[in-house]
Structures are given as structure tokens and as C-alpha cells.
N, C-alpha and C. Protein backbone atom coordinates (compact mmCIF):
# COMPACT_ATOMS: atom_id res chain seq x y z
N MET A 1 -10.48 8.91 -18.08
CA MET A 1 -10.15 9.61 -16.87
C MET A 1 -8.77 9.48 -16.39
N ARG A 2 -8.05 10.37 -16.01
CA ARG A 2 -6.70 10.13 -15.42
C ARG A 2 -6.89 10.13 -13.86
N LEU A 3 -6.44 8.90 -13.36
CA LEU A 3 -6.58 8.50 -11.99
C LEU A 3 -5.27 8.45 -11.35
N GLY A 4 -5.16 8.95 -10.26
CA GLY A 4 -3.96 8.82 -9.41
C GLY A 4 -4.27 7.81 -8.15
N VAL A 5 -3.52 6.78 -7.98
CA VAL A 5 -3.58 5.76 -6.89
C VAL A 5 -2.24 6.02 -6.04
N LEU A 6 -2.61 6.27 -4.79
CA LEU A 6 -1.57 6.51 -3.80
C LEU A 6 -1.61 5.37 -2.79
N ASP A 7 -0.34 4.50 -2.67
CA ASP A 7 -0.36 3.40 -1.81
C ASP A 7 0.69 3.65 -0.75
N VAL A 8 0.33 3.84 0.46
CA VAL A 8 1.14 4.15 1.57
C VAL A 8 1.44 2.70 2.21
N GLY A 9 2.66 2.18 1.97
CA GLY A 9 3.03 0.81 2.53
C GLY A 9 3.89 0.98 3.72
N SER A 10 4.50 -0.24 4.16
CA SER A 10 5.45 -0.11 5.23
C SER A 10 6.84 0.48 4.96
N ASN A 11 7.22 0.31 3.66
CA ASN A 11 8.40 0.93 3.05
C ASN A 11 8.40 2.09 2.17
N THR A 12 7.25 2.07 1.33
CA THR A 12 7.29 3.14 0.43
C THR A 12 5.92 3.77 0.32
N VAL A 13 6.02 5.11 -0.36
CA VAL A 13 4.63 5.78 -0.75
C VAL A 13 4.98 5.88 -2.19
N HIS A 14 3.92 5.14 -2.92
CA HIS A 14 3.98 4.93 -4.26
C HIS A 14 2.79 5.60 -4.92
N LEU A 15 3.02 6.52 -5.98
CA LEU A 15 1.92 7.16 -6.69
C LEU A 15 2.05 6.50 -8.09
N LEU A 16 0.82 6.05 -8.40
CA LEU A 16 0.69 5.54 -9.79
C LEU A 16 -0.30 6.42 -10.54
N VAL A 17 0.14 7.00 -11.62
CA VAL A 17 -1.03 7.75 -12.31
C VAL A 17 -1.27 6.94 -13.66
N VAL A 18 -2.51 6.57 -13.95
CA VAL A 18 -3.08 5.94 -15.09
C VAL A 18 -4.15 6.57 -15.79
N ASP A 19 -4.19 6.19 -17.06
CA ASP A 19 -5.33 6.66 -17.81
C ASP A 19 -6.25 5.43 -17.76
N ALA A 20 -7.59 5.53 -17.38
CA ALA A 20 -8.46 4.56 -17.07
C ALA A 20 -9.66 4.86 -17.85
N HIS A 21 -10.45 3.77 -18.25
CA HIS A 21 -11.83 3.73 -18.62
C HIS A 21 -12.47 2.48 -18.26
N ARG A 22 -13.92 2.64 -18.02
CA ARG A 22 -14.50 1.34 -17.59
C ARG A 22 -14.40 0.31 -18.77
N GLY A 23 -14.00 -1.00 -18.22
CA GLY A 23 -13.98 -2.04 -19.02
C GLY A 23 -12.59 -2.23 -19.79
N GLY A 24 -11.65 -1.21 -19.72
CA GLY A 24 -10.48 -1.20 -20.41
C GLY A 24 -9.28 -1.30 -19.66
N HIS A 25 -8.19 -1.61 -20.48
CA HIS A 25 -6.95 -1.69 -19.74
C HIS A 25 -6.46 -0.30 -19.30
N PRO A 26 -5.96 -0.11 -17.92
CA PRO A 26 -5.47 1.05 -17.68
C PRO A 26 -3.93 1.32 -18.18
N ASP A 27 -3.76 2.65 -18.69
CA ASP A 27 -2.58 2.71 -19.27
C ASP A 27 -1.60 3.59 -18.25
N PRO A 28 -0.48 2.88 -17.69
CA PRO A 28 0.17 3.75 -16.74
C PRO A 28 0.88 4.88 -17.35
N MET A 29 0.77 5.97 -16.74
CA MET A 29 1.29 7.31 -17.42
C MET A 29 2.66 7.83 -16.49
N ARG A 30 2.62 7.58 -15.21
CA ARG A 30 3.70 7.95 -14.20
C ARG A 30 3.69 7.08 -13.02
N SER A 31 4.85 6.87 -12.49
CA SER A 31 5.14 6.12 -11.31
C SER A 31 6.10 6.78 -10.58
N GLU A 32 5.73 7.18 -9.08
CA GLU A 32 6.80 7.87 -8.36
C GLU A 32 6.80 7.14 -6.90
N LYS A 33 7.83 6.82 -6.51
CA LYS A 33 8.01 6.07 -5.17
C LYS A 33 8.91 7.02 -4.22
N THR A 34 8.52 6.92 -3.03
CA THR A 34 9.34 7.66 -2.01
C THR A 34 9.39 6.66 -0.99
N GLN A 35 10.73 6.42 -0.51
CA GLN A 35 11.17 5.48 0.50
C GLN A 35 10.83 6.19 1.82
N LEU A 36 9.87 5.55 2.72
CA LEU A 36 9.73 6.10 3.90
C LEU A 36 10.16 5.17 5.19
N ARG A 37 9.94 3.97 4.84
CA ARG A 37 10.27 2.87 5.73
C ARG A 37 9.55 3.29 7.04
N LEU A 38 8.16 3.46 6.92
CA LEU A 38 7.33 3.62 8.20
C LEU A 38 7.32 2.73 9.11
N ALA A 39 7.52 1.42 8.80
CA ALA A 39 7.37 0.49 9.75
C ALA A 39 8.61 0.57 10.70
N GLU A 40 9.58 1.09 10.28
CA GLU A 40 10.79 1.42 11.08
C GLU A 40 10.60 2.53 12.05
N GLN A 41 9.56 3.29 11.84
CA GLN A 41 9.26 4.52 12.56
C GLN A 41 8.15 4.32 13.70
N ILE A 42 7.85 2.97 13.89
CA ILE A 42 6.93 2.71 14.95
C ILE A 42 7.82 2.20 16.15
N GLU A 43 7.27 2.79 17.23
CA GLU A 43 7.86 2.67 18.49
C GLU A 43 6.87 2.51 19.46
N ALA A 44 6.99 1.45 20.38
CA ALA A 44 5.84 1.12 21.35
C ALA A 44 4.46 1.13 20.69
N GLY A 45 4.31 0.61 19.54
CA GLY A 45 3.17 0.42 18.78
C GLY A 45 2.66 1.58 18.18
N ARG A 46 3.26 2.81 18.17
CA ARG A 46 2.92 4.05 17.65
C ARG A 46 3.81 4.65 16.64
N LEU A 47 3.25 5.28 15.54
CA LEU A 47 3.96 5.85 14.55
C LEU A 47 4.62 7.17 15.20
N THR A 48 5.85 7.23 15.24
CA THR A 48 6.63 8.39 15.83
C THR A 48 6.24 9.83 15.15
N GLY A 49 6.43 10.86 15.74
CA GLY A 49 6.18 12.14 15.35
C GLY A 49 7.06 12.52 14.00
N ALA A 50 8.29 11.93 14.17
CA ALA A 50 9.22 12.08 12.85
C ALA A 50 8.65 11.36 11.70
N GLY A 51 8.20 10.10 11.93
CA GLY A 51 7.57 9.34 10.68
C GLY A 51 6.37 9.95 10.34
N THR A 52 5.47 10.59 11.21
CA THR A 52 4.21 11.12 10.87
C THR A 52 4.67 12.43 9.88
N ASN A 53 5.52 13.13 10.40
CA ASN A 53 6.17 14.25 9.60
C ASN A 53 6.58 14.06 8.27
N ARG A 54 7.14 12.84 8.14
CA ARG A 54 7.71 12.46 6.72
C ARG A 54 6.76 11.83 5.91
N LEU A 55 5.67 11.27 6.50
CA LEU A 55 4.49 10.87 5.89
C LEU A 55 3.55 12.01 5.10
N VAL A 56 3.38 12.97 6.04
CA VAL A 56 2.68 14.08 5.69
C VAL A 56 3.38 14.88 4.48
N ARG A 57 4.74 14.98 4.56
CA ARG A 57 5.38 15.60 3.38
C ARG A 57 5.39 14.86 2.19
N ALA A 58 5.50 13.44 2.35
CA ALA A 58 5.41 12.58 1.07
C ALA A 58 4.10 12.58 0.37
N VAL A 59 3.06 12.57 1.21
CA VAL A 59 1.54 12.65 0.69
C VAL A 59 1.39 14.05 0.01
N ALA A 60 1.98 14.99 0.50
CA ALA A 60 1.66 16.50 0.02
C ALA A 60 2.43 16.37 -1.20
N ARG A 61 3.63 15.81 -1.42
CA ARG A 61 4.44 15.72 -2.63
C ARG A 61 3.66 14.99 -3.72
N ALA A 62 3.15 13.76 -3.41
CA ALA A 62 2.26 12.78 -4.29
C ALA A 62 1.15 13.54 -4.68
N LYS A 63 0.47 14.39 -3.90
CA LYS A 63 -0.72 15.15 -4.28
C LYS A 63 -0.45 16.22 -5.32
N ALA A 64 0.70 16.85 -5.12
CA ALA A 64 1.31 17.93 -6.10
C ALA A 64 1.41 17.19 -7.47
N THR A 65 2.17 16.07 -7.30
CA THR A 65 2.49 15.38 -8.52
C THR A 65 1.19 15.00 -9.29
N ALA A 66 0.26 14.41 -8.65
CA ALA A 66 -0.92 14.05 -9.16
C ALA A 66 -1.65 15.15 -9.94
N ALA A 67 -1.47 16.36 -9.14
CA ALA A 67 -2.20 17.60 -9.69
C ALA A 67 -1.44 17.92 -11.10
N LEU A 68 -0.16 17.96 -11.09
CA LEU A 68 0.52 18.33 -12.18
C LEU A 68 0.39 17.37 -13.39
N ALA A 69 0.15 16.10 -13.06
CA ALA A 69 -0.12 15.11 -14.11
C ALA A 69 -1.64 15.17 -14.62
N GLY A 70 -2.40 16.12 -14.08
CA GLY A 70 -3.68 16.15 -14.60
C GLY A 70 -4.64 15.26 -14.06
N CYS A 71 -4.60 14.63 -12.94
CA CYS A 71 -5.45 13.48 -12.35
C CYS A 71 -6.78 14.14 -12.03
N ASP A 72 -7.90 13.44 -12.49
CA ASP A 72 -9.19 13.83 -12.15
C ASP A 72 -9.55 13.45 -10.79
N GLU A 73 -8.93 12.34 -10.26
CA GLU A 73 -9.09 11.99 -8.79
C GLU A 73 -7.82 11.38 -8.25
N LEU A 74 -7.69 11.39 -6.99
CA LEU A 74 -6.66 10.60 -6.19
C LEU A 74 -7.27 9.70 -5.36
N LEU A 75 -6.98 8.59 -5.36
CA LEU A 75 -7.43 7.61 -4.58
C LEU A 75 -6.12 7.14 -3.65
N ALA A 76 -6.30 7.10 -2.21
CA ALA A 76 -5.30 7.03 -1.45
C ALA A 76 -5.50 5.95 -0.36
N PHE A 77 -4.65 5.00 -0.28
CA PHE A 77 -4.80 3.98 0.62
C PHE A 77 -3.53 3.75 1.56
N ALA A 78 -3.72 3.23 2.76
CA ALA A 78 -2.55 2.84 3.69
C ALA A 78 -2.76 1.52 4.08
N THR A 79 -1.66 0.89 4.26
CA THR A 79 -1.65 -0.65 4.38
C THR A 79 -1.01 -1.00 5.77
N SER A 80 -0.36 -1.95 5.84
CA SER A 80 0.34 -2.74 7.08
C SER A 80 0.84 -1.66 8.17
N ALA A 81 1.66 -0.91 7.80
CA ALA A 81 2.37 -0.02 8.95
C ALA A 81 1.22 0.72 9.68
N LEU A 82 0.36 1.48 9.06
CA LEU A 82 -0.54 2.33 9.45
C LEU A 82 -1.70 1.47 10.13
N ARG A 83 -1.88 0.45 9.58
CA ARG A 83 -3.02 -0.79 9.97
C ARG A 83 -2.55 -1.05 11.34
N ASP A 84 -1.30 -1.31 11.71
CA ASP A 84 -0.68 -1.73 12.91
C ASP A 84 -0.42 -0.64 13.91
N ALA A 85 -0.43 0.48 13.53
CA ALA A 85 -0.06 1.58 14.52
C ALA A 85 -1.18 1.93 15.32
N GLU A 86 -1.12 2.01 16.71
CA GLU A 86 -2.15 2.27 17.52
C GLU A 86 -2.75 3.83 17.41
N ASN A 87 -1.91 4.57 16.80
CA ASN A 87 -2.33 5.96 16.64
C ASN A 87 -2.61 6.39 15.25
N SER A 88 -3.00 5.27 14.49
CA SER A 88 -3.23 5.60 13.12
C SER A 88 -4.41 6.51 12.91
N PRO A 89 -5.42 6.50 13.72
CA PRO A 89 -6.66 7.50 13.44
C PRO A 89 -6.09 8.97 13.47
N ALA A 90 -5.19 9.34 14.68
CA ALA A 90 -4.57 10.44 14.69
C ALA A 90 -3.61 10.98 13.50
N VAL A 91 -3.00 9.98 13.08
CA VAL A 91 -2.00 10.13 11.81
C VAL A 91 -2.73 10.48 10.70
N LEU A 92 -3.96 9.61 10.42
CA LEU A 92 -4.73 9.84 9.28
C LEU A 92 -5.43 11.17 9.20
N ALA A 93 -5.97 11.56 10.52
CA ALA A 93 -6.62 12.99 10.63
C ALA A 93 -5.59 14.12 10.40
N ARG A 94 -4.28 13.78 10.79
CA ARG A 94 -3.39 14.87 10.53
C ARG A 94 -2.94 15.06 9.02
N VAL A 95 -2.88 13.81 8.28
CA VAL A 95 -2.54 13.81 7.03
C VAL A 95 -3.76 14.43 6.09
N ARG A 96 -5.02 14.33 6.50
CA ARG A 96 -6.31 14.98 5.85
C ARG A 96 -6.22 16.41 6.36
N ALA A 97 -5.94 16.90 7.39
CA ALA A 97 -5.78 18.26 7.80
C ALA A 97 -4.76 18.90 6.92
N GLU A 98 -3.65 18.37 6.87
CA GLU A 98 -2.57 19.22 6.33
C GLU A 98 -2.37 18.97 4.93
N THR A 99 -2.96 18.01 4.23
CA THR A 99 -2.75 17.74 2.84
C THR A 99 -4.09 17.77 2.08
N GLY A 100 -5.19 17.63 2.67
CA GLY A 100 -6.40 17.51 2.06
C GLY A 100 -6.69 16.17 1.43
N VAL A 101 -5.69 15.21 1.63
CA VAL A 101 -5.82 13.84 1.22
C VAL A 101 -6.36 12.89 2.08
N ASP A 102 -7.62 12.26 1.81
CA ASP A 102 -8.28 11.46 2.74
C ASP A 102 -7.75 9.86 2.67
N LEU A 103 -6.58 9.72 3.40
CA LEU A 103 -5.97 8.39 3.17
C LEU A 103 -6.75 7.38 3.89
N GLN A 104 -7.24 6.26 3.09
CA GLN A 104 -8.16 5.17 3.65
C GLN A 104 -7.29 4.17 4.10
N LEU A 105 -7.65 3.53 5.35
CA LEU A 105 -6.92 2.35 5.84
C LEU A 105 -7.58 1.10 5.36
N LEU A 106 -6.74 0.22 4.67
CA LEU A 106 -7.34 -1.04 4.29
C LEU A 106 -7.20 -2.10 5.18
N SER A 107 -8.15 -2.70 5.27
CA SER A 107 -7.95 -4.02 6.17
C SER A 107 -6.96 -5.04 5.32
N GLY A 108 -6.39 -5.94 6.08
CA GLY A 108 -5.58 -6.93 5.36
C GLY A 108 -6.36 -7.81 4.56
N GLN A 109 -7.70 -7.98 4.71
CA GLN A 109 -8.41 -8.87 3.68
C GLN A 109 -8.75 -8.07 2.54
N ASP A 110 -9.03 -6.65 2.76
CA ASP A 110 -9.32 -5.94 1.61
C ASP A 110 -8.08 -5.81 0.68
N GLU A 111 -7.00 -5.68 1.46
CA GLU A 111 -5.68 -5.50 0.68
C GLU A 111 -5.51 -6.81 -0.24
N ALA A 112 -5.62 -7.97 0.31
CA ALA A 112 -5.51 -9.38 -0.34
C ALA A 112 -6.71 -9.12 -1.63
N ARG A 113 -7.77 -8.87 -1.31
CA ARG A 113 -8.90 -8.90 -2.30
C ARG A 113 -8.48 -8.07 -3.48
N TYR A 114 -8.07 -6.79 -3.22
CA TYR A 114 -7.83 -5.86 -4.17
C TYR A 114 -6.68 -6.28 -5.14
N THR A 115 -5.56 -6.89 -4.58
CA THR A 115 -4.58 -7.34 -5.28
C THR A 115 -4.96 -8.50 -6.07
N PHE A 116 -5.85 -9.56 -5.66
CA PHE A 116 -6.48 -10.46 -6.43
C PHE A 116 -7.12 -9.90 -7.55
N LEU A 117 -8.07 -8.93 -7.40
CA LEU A 117 -8.83 -8.33 -8.53
C LEU A 117 -7.85 -7.75 -9.52
N ALA A 118 -6.86 -7.13 -9.14
CA ALA A 118 -5.93 -6.65 -10.16
C ALA A 118 -5.21 -7.62 -10.80
N VAL A 119 -4.78 -8.72 -10.32
CA VAL A 119 -4.21 -9.91 -11.08
C VAL A 119 -5.31 -10.44 -11.90
N ARG A 120 -6.50 -10.57 -11.48
CA ARG A 120 -7.57 -11.18 -12.42
C ARG A 120 -7.90 -10.46 -13.59
N ARG A 121 -7.85 -9.03 -13.25
CA ARG A 121 -7.98 -8.21 -14.50
C ARG A 121 -6.82 -8.26 -15.42
N TRP A 122 -5.66 -8.24 -15.05
CA TRP A 122 -4.41 -8.39 -15.70
C TRP A 122 -4.46 -9.61 -16.69
N TYR A 123 -4.68 -10.78 -15.99
CA TYR A 123 -4.44 -11.92 -16.76
C TYR A 123 -5.94 -12.55 -17.28
N GLY A 124 -6.85 -12.06 -16.83
CA GLY A 124 -8.05 -12.44 -17.59
C GLY A 124 -8.66 -13.78 -17.06
N TRP A 125 -9.76 -14.36 -17.66
CA TRP A 125 -10.51 -15.34 -17.32
C TRP A 125 -9.66 -16.65 -17.72
N SER A 126 -9.07 -16.56 -18.80
CA SER A 126 -8.23 -17.67 -19.34
C SER A 126 -7.13 -18.22 -18.30
N ALA A 127 -6.71 -17.44 -17.40
CA ALA A 127 -5.78 -17.79 -16.39
C ALA A 127 -6.33 -18.91 -15.45
N GLY A 128 -7.61 -19.22 -15.33
CA GLY A 128 -8.29 -20.08 -14.55
C GLY A 128 -8.19 -19.56 -13.19
N ARG A 129 -7.89 -20.81 -12.26
CA ARG A 129 -7.75 -20.45 -10.80
C ARG A 129 -6.60 -19.92 -10.64
N LEU A 130 -6.52 -18.93 -9.71
CA LEU A 130 -5.27 -18.08 -9.37
C LEU A 130 -4.92 -18.28 -7.88
N LEU A 131 -3.58 -18.28 -7.55
CA LEU A 131 -3.09 -18.17 -6.23
C LEU A 131 -2.22 -16.93 -6.27
N VAL A 132 -2.81 -15.92 -5.53
CA VAL A 132 -1.80 -14.58 -5.58
C VAL A 132 -1.12 -14.60 -4.28
N LEU A 133 0.06 -14.22 -4.26
CA LEU A 133 0.88 -13.99 -3.09
C LEU A 133 1.35 -12.70 -3.14
N ASP A 134 1.34 -11.56 -2.20
CA ASP A 134 1.73 -10.31 -2.44
C ASP A 134 2.66 -10.19 -1.10
N ILE A 135 3.98 -10.22 -1.29
CA ILE A 135 4.94 -9.86 -0.02
C ILE A 135 5.17 -8.31 -0.07
N GLY A 136 4.72 -7.83 1.07
CA GLY A 136 5.02 -6.56 1.39
C GLY A 136 6.05 -6.28 2.38
N GLY A 137 6.25 -5.08 2.78
CA GLY A 137 7.28 -4.87 3.84
C GLY A 137 6.81 -5.36 5.30
N GLY A 138 5.46 -5.05 5.65
CA GLY A 138 4.91 -5.57 6.86
C GLY A 138 3.90 -6.77 6.87
N SER A 139 3.40 -7.12 5.60
CA SER A 139 2.40 -8.14 5.72
C SER A 139 2.47 -9.00 4.50
N LEU A 140 2.03 -10.10 4.40
CA LEU A 140 1.87 -11.06 3.26
C LEU A 140 0.46 -11.29 3.00
N GLU A 141 -0.10 -10.98 1.83
CA GLU A 141 -1.42 -11.07 1.39
C GLU A 141 -1.57 -12.41 0.49
N LEU A 142 -2.39 -13.27 0.79
CA LEU A 142 -2.87 -14.43 0.06
C LEU A 142 -4.18 -14.43 -0.35
N ALA A 143 -4.39 -14.78 -1.53
CA ALA A 143 -5.72 -14.84 -2.15
C ALA A 143 -5.81 -15.95 -3.20
N THR A 144 -6.99 -16.59 -3.33
CA THR A 144 -7.20 -17.47 -4.18
C THR A 144 -8.50 -17.69 -4.82
N GLY A 145 -8.74 -18.11 -5.98
CA GLY A 145 -10.06 -18.10 -6.48
C GLY A 145 -10.11 -18.51 -7.97
N ARG A 146 -11.25 -18.89 -8.41
CA ARG A 146 -11.46 -19.01 -9.91
C ARG A 146 -12.29 -17.94 -10.60
N ASP A 147 -13.03 -17.21 -9.67
CA ASP A 147 -14.11 -16.23 -10.24
C ASP A 147 -13.46 -14.70 -10.14
N GLU A 148 -14.21 -13.80 -10.17
CA GLU A 148 -13.83 -12.42 -10.26
C GLU A 148 -13.37 -12.12 -8.68
N ASP A 149 -14.05 -12.50 -7.68
CA ASP A 149 -13.74 -12.29 -6.39
C ASP A 149 -13.18 -13.60 -5.75
N PRO A 150 -12.09 -13.40 -4.98
CA PRO A 150 -11.35 -14.65 -4.38
C PRO A 150 -12.40 -15.51 -3.50
N ASP A 151 -12.02 -16.88 -3.45
CA ASP A 151 -12.73 -17.71 -2.48
C ASP A 151 -12.05 -17.24 -1.18
N VAL A 152 -10.90 -17.04 -1.09
CA VAL A 152 -10.22 -16.88 0.08
C VAL A 152 -9.21 -15.71 0.02
N ALA A 153 -9.06 -14.70 0.93
CA ALA A 153 -8.41 -13.47 0.93
C ALA A 153 -7.96 -13.21 2.42
N LEU A 154 -6.66 -13.31 2.70
CA LEU A 154 -6.17 -13.15 3.96
C LEU A 154 -4.90 -12.35 3.99
N SER A 155 -4.48 -11.82 5.12
CA SER A 155 -3.34 -11.18 5.36
C SER A 155 -2.67 -11.67 6.79
N VAL A 156 -1.41 -11.93 6.61
CA VAL A 156 -0.55 -12.32 7.78
C VAL A 156 0.57 -11.51 8.11
N PRO A 157 1.00 -11.20 9.20
CA PRO A 157 2.23 -10.37 9.41
C PRO A 157 3.63 -11.06 9.15
N LEU A 158 3.60 -11.17 7.95
CA LEU A 158 5.01 -12.11 7.49
C LEU A 158 5.64 -11.37 6.38
N GLY A 159 5.61 -9.81 6.40
CA GLY A 159 6.14 -9.14 5.40
C GLY A 159 7.78 -9.17 5.46
N ALA A 160 8.46 -8.96 4.29
CA ALA A 160 9.89 -9.03 4.37
C ALA A 160 10.55 -8.15 5.33
N GLY A 161 10.12 -6.86 5.48
CA GLY A 161 10.85 -5.86 6.29
C GLY A 161 10.71 -6.24 7.81
N ARG A 162 9.37 -6.87 8.07
CA ARG A 162 9.10 -7.18 9.44
C ARG A 162 9.84 -8.44 9.83
N LEU A 163 9.94 -9.17 8.98
CA LEU A 163 10.69 -10.55 9.43
C LEU A 163 12.24 -10.24 9.37
N THR A 164 12.74 -9.39 8.65
CA THR A 164 13.92 -9.14 8.71
C THR A 164 14.47 -8.42 10.05
N ARG A 165 13.46 -7.40 10.30
CA ARG A 165 13.70 -6.76 11.88
C ARG A 165 13.69 -7.78 12.95
N GLN A 166 12.60 -8.65 12.79
CA GLN A 166 12.38 -9.50 13.96
C GLN A 166 13.45 -10.71 14.02
N ARG A 167 13.86 -11.23 12.87
CA ARG A 167 14.67 -12.42 12.89
C ARG A 167 16.15 -12.34 12.58
N LEU A 168 16.56 -11.25 11.67
CA LEU A 168 17.92 -10.92 11.39
C LEU A 168 18.37 -9.75 12.09
N THR A 169 18.72 -9.92 13.28
CA THR A 169 18.96 -8.78 14.15
C THR A 169 20.52 -8.28 14.10
N GLY A 170 21.21 -9.35 13.63
CA GLY A 170 22.76 -8.84 13.40
C GLY A 170 23.17 -8.60 12.01
N ASP A 171 24.10 -7.90 11.82
CA ASP A 171 24.81 -7.79 10.46
C ASP A 171 26.33 -7.92 10.44
N PRO A 172 26.71 -9.15 9.88
CA PRO A 172 25.83 -10.26 9.14
C PRO A 172 24.99 -11.14 10.13
N PRO A 173 23.86 -11.56 9.54
CA PRO A 173 23.19 -12.41 10.43
C PRO A 173 23.83 -13.67 11.00
N ARG A 174 23.52 -13.91 12.27
CA ARG A 174 24.14 -15.27 12.88
C ARG A 174 23.60 -16.45 12.01
N ALA A 175 24.46 -17.39 12.25
CA ALA A 175 24.10 -18.76 11.40
C ALA A 175 22.73 -19.27 11.85
N ALA A 176 22.47 -19.19 13.23
CA ALA A 176 21.26 -19.75 13.72
C ALA A 176 20.01 -19.03 13.15
């Protein structure tokens, strides 16, 4: 099965096309990233109209690319920036109405869990206990465990872009 996975993060919209079959290693066929920096388009807790417009265009392009690549299915997820935006239900509804893509909002815990599952699948059981840290633009996901599912999976608002915007307000940054 050819599968498209669309990841809408705080900084980029990433489409990964893979050939996948149950129990086997997915073979990457294509990867395409669009830098949107959605987190920088959030004002007063809401994704701006301009940010929403850019998101709709990026999702439409990714859907067209997935179709050209022969994807049987497109799985689409949104993470920290949209998770934190107060108007995310309206933004997701607009994306669905204008592109036909049902963008699913992942909780921070699910994002950490899925990252852990991907690492477990990649490294296998011989890797033993894993500690997985995924530093994104808006959040940091942490997960640990020995089995298929992590014992602990959590997300904290310590992404690289978020911390840069909050802590490094000058260019160059002040020594303090």
C-alpha cells in the first residue's frame, strides 16, 4: 500500500510518502516539506487569517502531491501550533471544507506515544528500554519504556521555536 502521512507542525508541513505493508519496514518514496512557521502566526491565542490561508494552500499542495505519487490513503495530523490555537476547530473545519483533508489534532501524549512507537519499530526489541526525546518547534515530547507501548508519554511546551521566541528576543541575544 502506498501511504501518505502529512504532519502539520509548528514550523513545517511535512508530507512523507511510503510503501508499507503490515509487519514490514516502510520504504520511503518521497518527502516534501513546506515551511509555514504557523506558531509565529498565532496572535492573542488564535491562528491568524493569513496563517490559515497559508495552511490551506500547503495542505492542498500536499494532497495533490500525494495523489500524483499514487497514495492509496492520506493520513493527516496537526500538532503543537494548532493544538494550542483557540480557533483550531474552525481552522480544521476550513481545511476540511477547502481541501477535503481531515486533519486530525493529536494530543501531546499521543504525539509522544506515536513517536515512541516509530522508534521502537525502527530499532526493534533488541534496543531494550528506550528514552525518546522529540524536540519540535512548539513542544518537546518525551516517552520511555521497554515494551511496544511506552510506560510514560508526555508533551511539554519546550519546543525550540517557542523557547527562541520567548527567551531570545534580541538579535544578537543579550548575554543574560
